[in-house]
Structures are given as C-alpha cells and as structure tokens.
Amino acid sequence: MKGTNLGEFQELVMLTVGLLYDKAYGVSIKDEVKRQTGRTVTLSTVHAALNRLEDKGFLVSWMGEATEERGGRPKRLFRITAYGKQALEESRQVRNRMWELIPKVAWDHI
C-alpha cells in the first residue's frame, strides 16, 4: 500500500506507543525506547517522529489530565490507529519475508 512505509525510528516509536498503550507520551516513549533498545534519543527527535506519524494518520493524540508533577500541564498522549496497525503489520511482513528468503549459504561464510 502506498504511503505506509515506515522508517526504522518511526517503527520503533510506533511499537513503543503500542507497548505503552494509554501511557504513551513524549518522555515515556523516549525512556521506553532507551529501555528496550539501549538507544539514547532526544525528546525533540521523538516529538518530530510523533508529529509525522500523526500527520500520516498512523497515530492519534489527545490531551490527558493535568498532573501536579508537570506543574498542572496535561500530557499529550498517543495511540496507534487502525491505519497505523496496518502499516506496522506490513512492515513486519516485509521484514519476515526478506529474512526467510536469505539463503542459508549467505550465513555460512560468516
């Protein structure tokens, strides 16, 4: 399907949004990416990816309740859409198909 291609970091962000479900917001996503992958990413990089993914229709966001820990400011929370789920599934199918097509001999010399 045209337009559902995900970059590697976008895929990581979307998978993280899925992992966190209704607790997915910028800082929690940044922290979970670090926890799951060992990669240190900046909050601005996460926000840029979230904005692009929402523009593509892969994510939706809403404002959560104001929290004392954030000085009364609400968190912008994210969730995967049906279209986003489809994009993730297509990405996984492509990767799995390509892994399966690598001949065993390609690994023998390593």
N, C-alpha and C. Protein backbone atom coordinates (compact mmCIF):
# COMPACT_ATOMS: atom_id res chain seq x y z
N MET A 1 0.85 -1.18 0.00
CA MET A 1 0.00 0.00 0.00
C MET A 1 0.89 1.24 0.00
N LYS A 2 0.56 2.17 -0.86
CA LYS A 2 1.34 3.40 -0.96
C LYS A 2 1.17 4.24 0.30
N GLY A 3 2.28 4.80 0.75
CA GLY A 3 2.23 5.72 1.87
C GLY A 3 2.33 5.09 3.25
N THR A 4 2.47 3.77 3.32
CA THR A 4 2.54 3.14 4.63
C THR A 4 3.97 2.78 5.03
N ASN A 5 4.94 3.18 4.22
CA ASN A 5 6.33 2.87 4.56
C ASN A 5 6.73 3.59 5.83
N LEU A 6 7.43 2.85 6.68
CA LEU A 6 7.91 3.39 7.94
C LEU A 6 9.43 3.35 7.96
N GLY A 7 10.03 4.43 8.42
CA GLY A 7 11.46 4.40 8.67
C GLY A 7 11.71 3.60 9.94
N GLU A 8 12.96 3.20 10.15
CA GLU A 8 13.29 2.37 11.31
C GLU A 8 12.92 3.05 12.62
N PHE A 9 13.25 4.31 12.77
CA PHE A 9 12.94 5.00 14.02
C PHE A 9 11.43 5.20 14.19
N GLN A 10 10.75 5.50 13.09
CA GLN A 10 9.29 5.64 13.16
C GLN A 10 8.65 4.33 13.61
N GLU A 11 9.17 3.22 13.10
CA GLU A 11 8.65 1.92 13.50
C GLU A 11 8.89 1.69 15.00
N LEU A 12 10.08 2.02 15.48
CA LEU A 12 10.38 1.88 16.91
C LEU A 12 9.43 2.73 17.75
N VAL A 13 9.18 3.96 17.32
CA VAL A 13 8.28 4.84 18.07
C VAL A 13 6.87 4.26 18.08
N MET A 14 6.41 3.78 16.95
CA MET A 14 5.05 3.21 16.91
C MET A 14 4.95 1.96 17.78
N LEU A 15 5.95 1.10 17.72
CA LEU A 15 5.94 -0.10 18.57
C LEU A 15 5.94 0.30 20.04
N THR A 16 6.68 1.33 20.38
CA THR A 16 6.73 1.81 21.75
C THR A 16 5.39 2.38 22.18
N VAL A 17 4.73 3.11 21.30
CA VAL A 17 3.38 3.61 21.60
C VAL A 17 2.46 2.43 21.90
N GLY A 18 2.59 1.36 21.13
CA GLY A 18 1.79 0.17 21.39
C GLY A 18 2.12 -0.46 22.73
N LEU A 19 3.40 -0.54 23.05
CA LEU A 19 3.82 -1.11 24.35
C LEU A 19 3.25 -0.32 25.52
N LEU A 20 3.28 0.99 25.39
CA LEU A 20 2.85 1.86 26.50
C LEU A 20 1.34 2.06 26.54
N TYR A 21 0.68 1.79 25.44
CA TYR A 21 -0.77 1.96 25.26
C TYR A 21 -1.21 3.34 25.72
N ASP A 22 -2.06 3.45 26.70
CA ASP A 22 -2.60 4.77 27.09
C ASP A 22 -1.66 5.59 27.96
N LYS A 23 -0.42 5.16 28.12
CA LYS A 23 0.58 5.92 28.87
C LYS A 23 1.69 6.41 27.95
N ALA A 24 1.40 6.45 26.64
CA ALA A 24 2.41 6.84 25.65
C ALA A 24 2.38 8.35 25.44
N TYR A 25 3.41 9.02 25.94
CA TYR A 25 3.61 10.45 25.69
C TYR A 25 5.10 10.65 25.49
N GLY A 26 5.52 11.82 25.08
CA GLY A 26 6.90 12.05 24.67
C GLY A 26 7.96 11.47 25.57
N VAL A 27 7.95 11.83 26.84
CA VAL A 27 9.01 11.38 27.76
C VAL A 27 8.93 9.88 27.99
N SER A 28 7.73 9.34 28.16
CA SER A 28 7.62 7.89 28.40
C SER A 28 8.08 7.10 27.18
N ILE A 29 7.82 7.62 25.99
CA ILE A 29 8.27 6.96 24.76
C ILE A 29 9.80 7.01 24.67
N LYS A 30 10.36 8.17 24.93
CA LYS A 30 11.83 8.33 24.91
C LYS A 30 12.48 7.34 25.88
N ASP A 31 11.95 7.27 27.09
CA ASP A 31 12.51 6.39 28.12
C ASP A 31 12.35 4.92 27.74
N GLU A 32 11.21 4.57 27.17
CA GLU A 32 10.97 3.16 26.81
C GLU A 32 11.83 2.74 25.62
N VAL A 33 12.05 3.64 24.67
CA VAL A 33 12.96 3.33 23.55
C VAL A 33 14.34 3.01 24.12
N LYS A 34 14.80 3.79 25.06
CA LYS A 34 16.09 3.56 25.70
C LYS A 34 16.10 2.20 26.41
N ARG A 35 15.04 1.92 27.15
CA ARG A 35 14.94 0.68 27.91
C ARG A 35 14.92 -0.55 26.99
N GLN A 36 14.20 -0.45 25.90
CA GLN A 36 14.04 -1.60 25.00
C GLN A 36 15.22 -1.79 24.04
N THR A 37 15.87 -0.70 23.64
CA THR A 37 16.89 -0.79 22.59
C THR A 37 18.29 -0.40 23.04
N GLY A 38 18.38 0.31 24.17
CA GLY A 38 19.67 0.84 24.59
C GLY A 38 20.06 2.12 23.87
N ARG A 39 19.22 2.59 22.97
CA ARG A 39 19.49 3.81 22.21
C ARG A 39 19.05 5.04 23.00
N THR A 40 19.92 6.01 23.08
CA THR A 40 19.57 7.28 23.68
C THR A 40 19.05 8.19 22.58
N VAL A 41 17.85 8.68 22.75
CA VAL A 41 17.26 9.58 21.76
C VAL A 41 16.82 10.85 22.46
N THR A 42 16.75 11.92 21.71
CA THR A 42 16.32 13.19 22.30
C THR A 42 14.80 13.29 22.26
N LEU A 43 14.27 14.07 23.16
CA LEU A 43 12.84 14.30 23.20
C LEU A 43 12.36 14.97 21.92
N SER A 44 13.17 15.88 21.38
CA SER A 44 12.76 16.56 20.14
C SER A 44 12.68 15.58 18.97
N THR A 45 13.55 14.59 18.94
CA THR A 45 13.50 13.57 17.88
C THR A 45 12.24 12.74 18.01
N VAL A 46 11.88 12.39 19.24
CA VAL A 46 10.65 11.63 19.48
C VAL A 46 9.45 12.46 19.06
N HIS A 47 9.42 13.73 19.46
CA HIS A 47 8.28 14.59 19.10
C HIS A 47 8.16 14.75 17.58
N ALA A 48 9.27 14.90 16.90
CA ALA A 48 9.24 15.03 15.44
C ALA A 48 8.64 13.78 14.81
N ALA A 49 9.06 12.60 15.29
CA ALA A 49 8.52 11.36 14.76
C ALA A 49 7.03 11.23 15.07
N LEU A 50 6.63 11.57 16.29
CA LEU A 50 5.22 11.51 16.66
C LEU A 50 4.37 12.41 15.77
N ASN A 51 4.85 13.62 15.53
CA ASN A 51 4.11 14.55 14.67
C ASN A 51 3.97 14.03 13.25
N ARG A 52 5.06 13.48 12.70
CA ARG A 52 5.00 12.92 11.33
C ARG A 52 4.04 11.73 11.28
N LEU A 53 4.11 10.87 12.29
CA LEU A 53 3.24 9.70 12.31
C LEU A 53 1.78 10.08 12.47
N GLU A 54 1.53 11.11 13.25
CA GLU A 54 0.15 11.58 13.38
C GLU A 54 -0.33 12.22 12.08
N ASP A 55 0.54 12.98 11.42
CA ASP A 55 0.18 13.58 10.13
C ASP A 55 -0.16 12.52 9.09
N LYS A 56 0.53 11.37 9.15
CA LYS A 56 0.27 10.27 8.22
C LYS A 56 -1.01 9.49 8.57
N GLY A 57 -1.54 9.74 9.76
CA GLY A 57 -2.75 9.03 10.20
C GLY A 57 -2.45 7.73 10.92
N PHE A 58 -1.18 7.49 11.28
CA PHE A 58 -0.80 6.25 11.96
C PHE A 58 -1.03 6.33 13.47
N LEU A 59 -1.08 7.55 14.00
CA LEU A 59 -1.31 7.78 15.42
C LEU A 59 -2.38 8.84 15.60
N VAL A 60 -3.04 8.80 16.74
CA VAL A 60 -3.92 9.89 17.16
C VAL A 60 -3.42 10.35 18.52
N SER A 61 -3.70 11.59 18.85
CA SER A 61 -3.30 12.11 20.15
C SER A 61 -4.46 12.84 20.80
N TRP A 62 -4.36 12.97 22.09
CA TRP A 62 -5.32 13.73 22.87
C TRP A 62 -4.61 14.24 24.12
N MET A 63 -5.19 15.22 24.73
CA MET A 63 -4.61 15.79 25.93
C MET A 63 -5.17 15.04 27.14
N GLY A 64 -4.24 14.54 27.97
CA GLY A 64 -4.62 13.84 29.19
C GLY A 64 -4.93 14.84 30.29
N GLU A 65 -5.13 14.31 31.45
CA GLU A 65 -5.40 15.15 32.62
C GLU A 65 -4.15 15.94 33.02
N ALA A 66 -4.36 17.10 33.58
CA ALA A 66 -3.25 17.88 34.13
C ALA A 66 -2.68 17.13 35.32
N THR A 67 -1.36 17.16 35.44
CA THR A 67 -0.72 16.46 36.55
C THR A 67 0.12 17.43 37.37
N GLU A 68 0.16 17.16 38.66
CA GLU A 68 0.94 18.00 39.57
C GLU A 68 2.42 17.94 39.22
N GLU A 69 2.90 16.74 38.85
CA GLU A 69 4.32 16.58 38.53
C GLU A 69 4.74 17.42 37.34
N ARG A 70 3.80 17.82 36.49
CA ARG A 70 4.11 18.65 35.33
C ARG A 70 3.65 20.09 35.54
N GLY A 71 3.51 20.50 36.78
CA GLY A 71 3.12 21.87 37.08
C GLY A 71 1.72 22.20 36.61
N GLY A 72 0.85 21.20 36.60
CA GLY A 72 -0.54 21.42 36.19
C GLY A 72 -0.76 21.31 34.69
N ARG A 73 0.28 21.02 33.95
CA ARG A 73 0.13 20.89 32.49
C ARG A 73 -0.29 19.46 32.14
N PRO A 74 -1.15 19.31 31.15
CA PRO A 74 -1.56 17.97 30.72
C PRO A 74 -0.50 17.34 29.80
N LYS A 75 -0.53 16.03 29.71
CA LYS A 75 0.34 15.30 28.79
C LYS A 75 -0.40 15.08 27.48
N ARG A 76 0.33 15.13 26.38
CA ARG A 76 -0.22 14.77 25.08
C ARG A 76 0.03 13.28 24.89
N LEU A 77 -1.02 12.51 24.91
CA LEU A 77 -0.94 11.05 24.83
C LEU A 77 -1.21 10.58 23.41
N PHE A 78 -0.65 9.41 23.06
CA PHE A 78 -0.74 8.88 21.70
C PHE A 78 -1.25 7.44 21.72
N ARG A 79 -1.94 7.09 20.64
CA ARG A 79 -2.40 5.72 20.44
C ARG A 79 -2.31 5.39 18.94
N ILE A 80 -2.05 4.15 18.64
CA ILE A 80 -1.98 3.69 17.25
C ILE A 80 -3.39 3.60 16.67
N THR A 81 -3.54 4.03 15.43
CA THR A 81 -4.81 3.92 14.72
C THR A 81 -4.85 2.58 13.97
N ALA A 82 -6.01 2.27 13.42
CA ALA A 82 -6.13 1.05 12.60
C ALA A 82 -5.19 1.13 11.40
N TYR A 83 -5.08 2.31 10.81
CA TYR A 83 -4.18 2.52 9.68
C TYR A 83 -2.72 2.33 10.11
N GLY A 84 -2.38 2.79 11.31
CA GLY A 84 -1.04 2.60 11.84
C GLY A 84 -0.74 1.14 12.10
N LYS A 85 -1.72 0.41 12.63
CA LYS A 85 -1.55 -1.03 12.86
C LYS A 85 -1.28 -1.74 11.53
N GLN A 86 -2.01 -1.35 10.51
CA GLN A 86 -1.82 -1.93 9.19
C GLN A 86 -0.40 -1.65 8.68
N ALA A 87 0.09 -0.43 8.87
CA ALA A 87 1.44 -0.08 8.44
C ALA A 87 2.48 -0.91 9.18
N LEU A 88 2.30 -1.09 10.48
CA LEU A 88 3.23 -1.92 11.26
C LEU A 88 3.19 -3.38 10.80
N GLU A 89 2.01 -3.89 10.55
CA GLU A 89 1.89 -5.27 10.08
C GLU A 89 2.56 -5.46 8.73
N GLU A 90 2.38 -4.49 7.83
CA GLU A 90 3.01 -4.58 6.52
C GLU A 90 4.54 -4.53 6.66
N SER A 91 5.02 -3.70 7.53
CA SER A 91 6.46 -3.60 7.76
C SER A 91 7.00 -4.92 8.28
N ARG A 92 6.30 -5.52 9.22
CA ARG A 92 6.73 -6.81 9.78
C ARG A 92 6.71 -7.90 8.71
N GLN A 93 5.67 -7.90 7.89
CA GLN A 93 5.57 -8.92 6.84
C GLN A 93 6.73 -8.81 5.84
N VAL A 94 7.07 -7.59 5.45
CA VAL A 94 8.18 -7.38 4.52
C VAL A 94 9.48 -7.88 5.14
N ARG A 95 9.73 -7.49 6.38
CA ARG A 95 10.97 -7.92 7.05
C ARG A 95 11.03 -9.44 7.18
N ASN A 96 9.93 -10.05 7.64
CA ASN A 96 9.92 -11.51 7.82
C ASN A 96 10.11 -12.24 6.49
N ARG A 97 9.45 -11.75 5.44
CA ARG A 97 9.58 -12.38 4.13
C ARG A 97 11.03 -12.30 3.65
N MET A 98 11.65 -11.15 3.82
CA MET A 98 13.04 -11.00 3.38
C MET A 98 13.98 -11.87 4.20
N TRP A 99 13.78 -11.95 5.52
CA TRP A 99 14.60 -12.83 6.36
C TRP A 99 14.47 -14.28 5.88
N GLU A 100 13.26 -14.69 5.57
CA GLU A 100 13.03 -16.07 5.12
C GLU A 100 13.66 -16.35 3.76
N LEU A 101 13.83 -15.33 2.95
CA LEU A 101 14.38 -15.52 1.60
C LEU A 101 15.91 -15.56 1.57
N ILE A 102 16.56 -15.15 2.65
CA ILE A 102 18.02 -15.19 2.68
C ILE A 102 18.44 -16.66 2.67
N PRO A 103 19.22 -17.07 1.67
CA PRO A 103 19.63 -18.47 1.64
C PRO A 103 20.60 -18.78 2.77
N LYS A 104 20.52 -20.00 3.28
CA LYS A 104 21.38 -20.43 4.38
C LYS A 104 22.85 -20.20 4.04
N VAL A 105 23.22 -20.41 2.80
CA VAL A 105 24.61 -20.25 2.38
C VAL A 105 25.12 -18.83 2.62
N ALA A 106 24.23 -17.86 2.62
CA ALA A 106 24.64 -16.47 2.86
C ALA A 106 25.18 -16.30 4.26
N TRP A 107 24.76 -17.14 5.19
CA TRP A 107 25.21 -17.06 6.57
C TRP A 107 26.41 -17.98 6.84
N ASP A 108 26.64 -18.94 5.97
CA ASP A 108 27.69 -19.95 6.20
C ASP A 108 29.09 -19.38 6.23
N HIS A 109 29.36 -18.34 5.50
CA HIS A 109 30.72 -17.80 5.44
C HIS A 109 31.02 -16.80 6.57
N ILE A 110 30.05 -16.51 7.38
CA ILE A 110 30.22 -15.51 8.44
C ILE A 110 30.79 -16.15 9.69
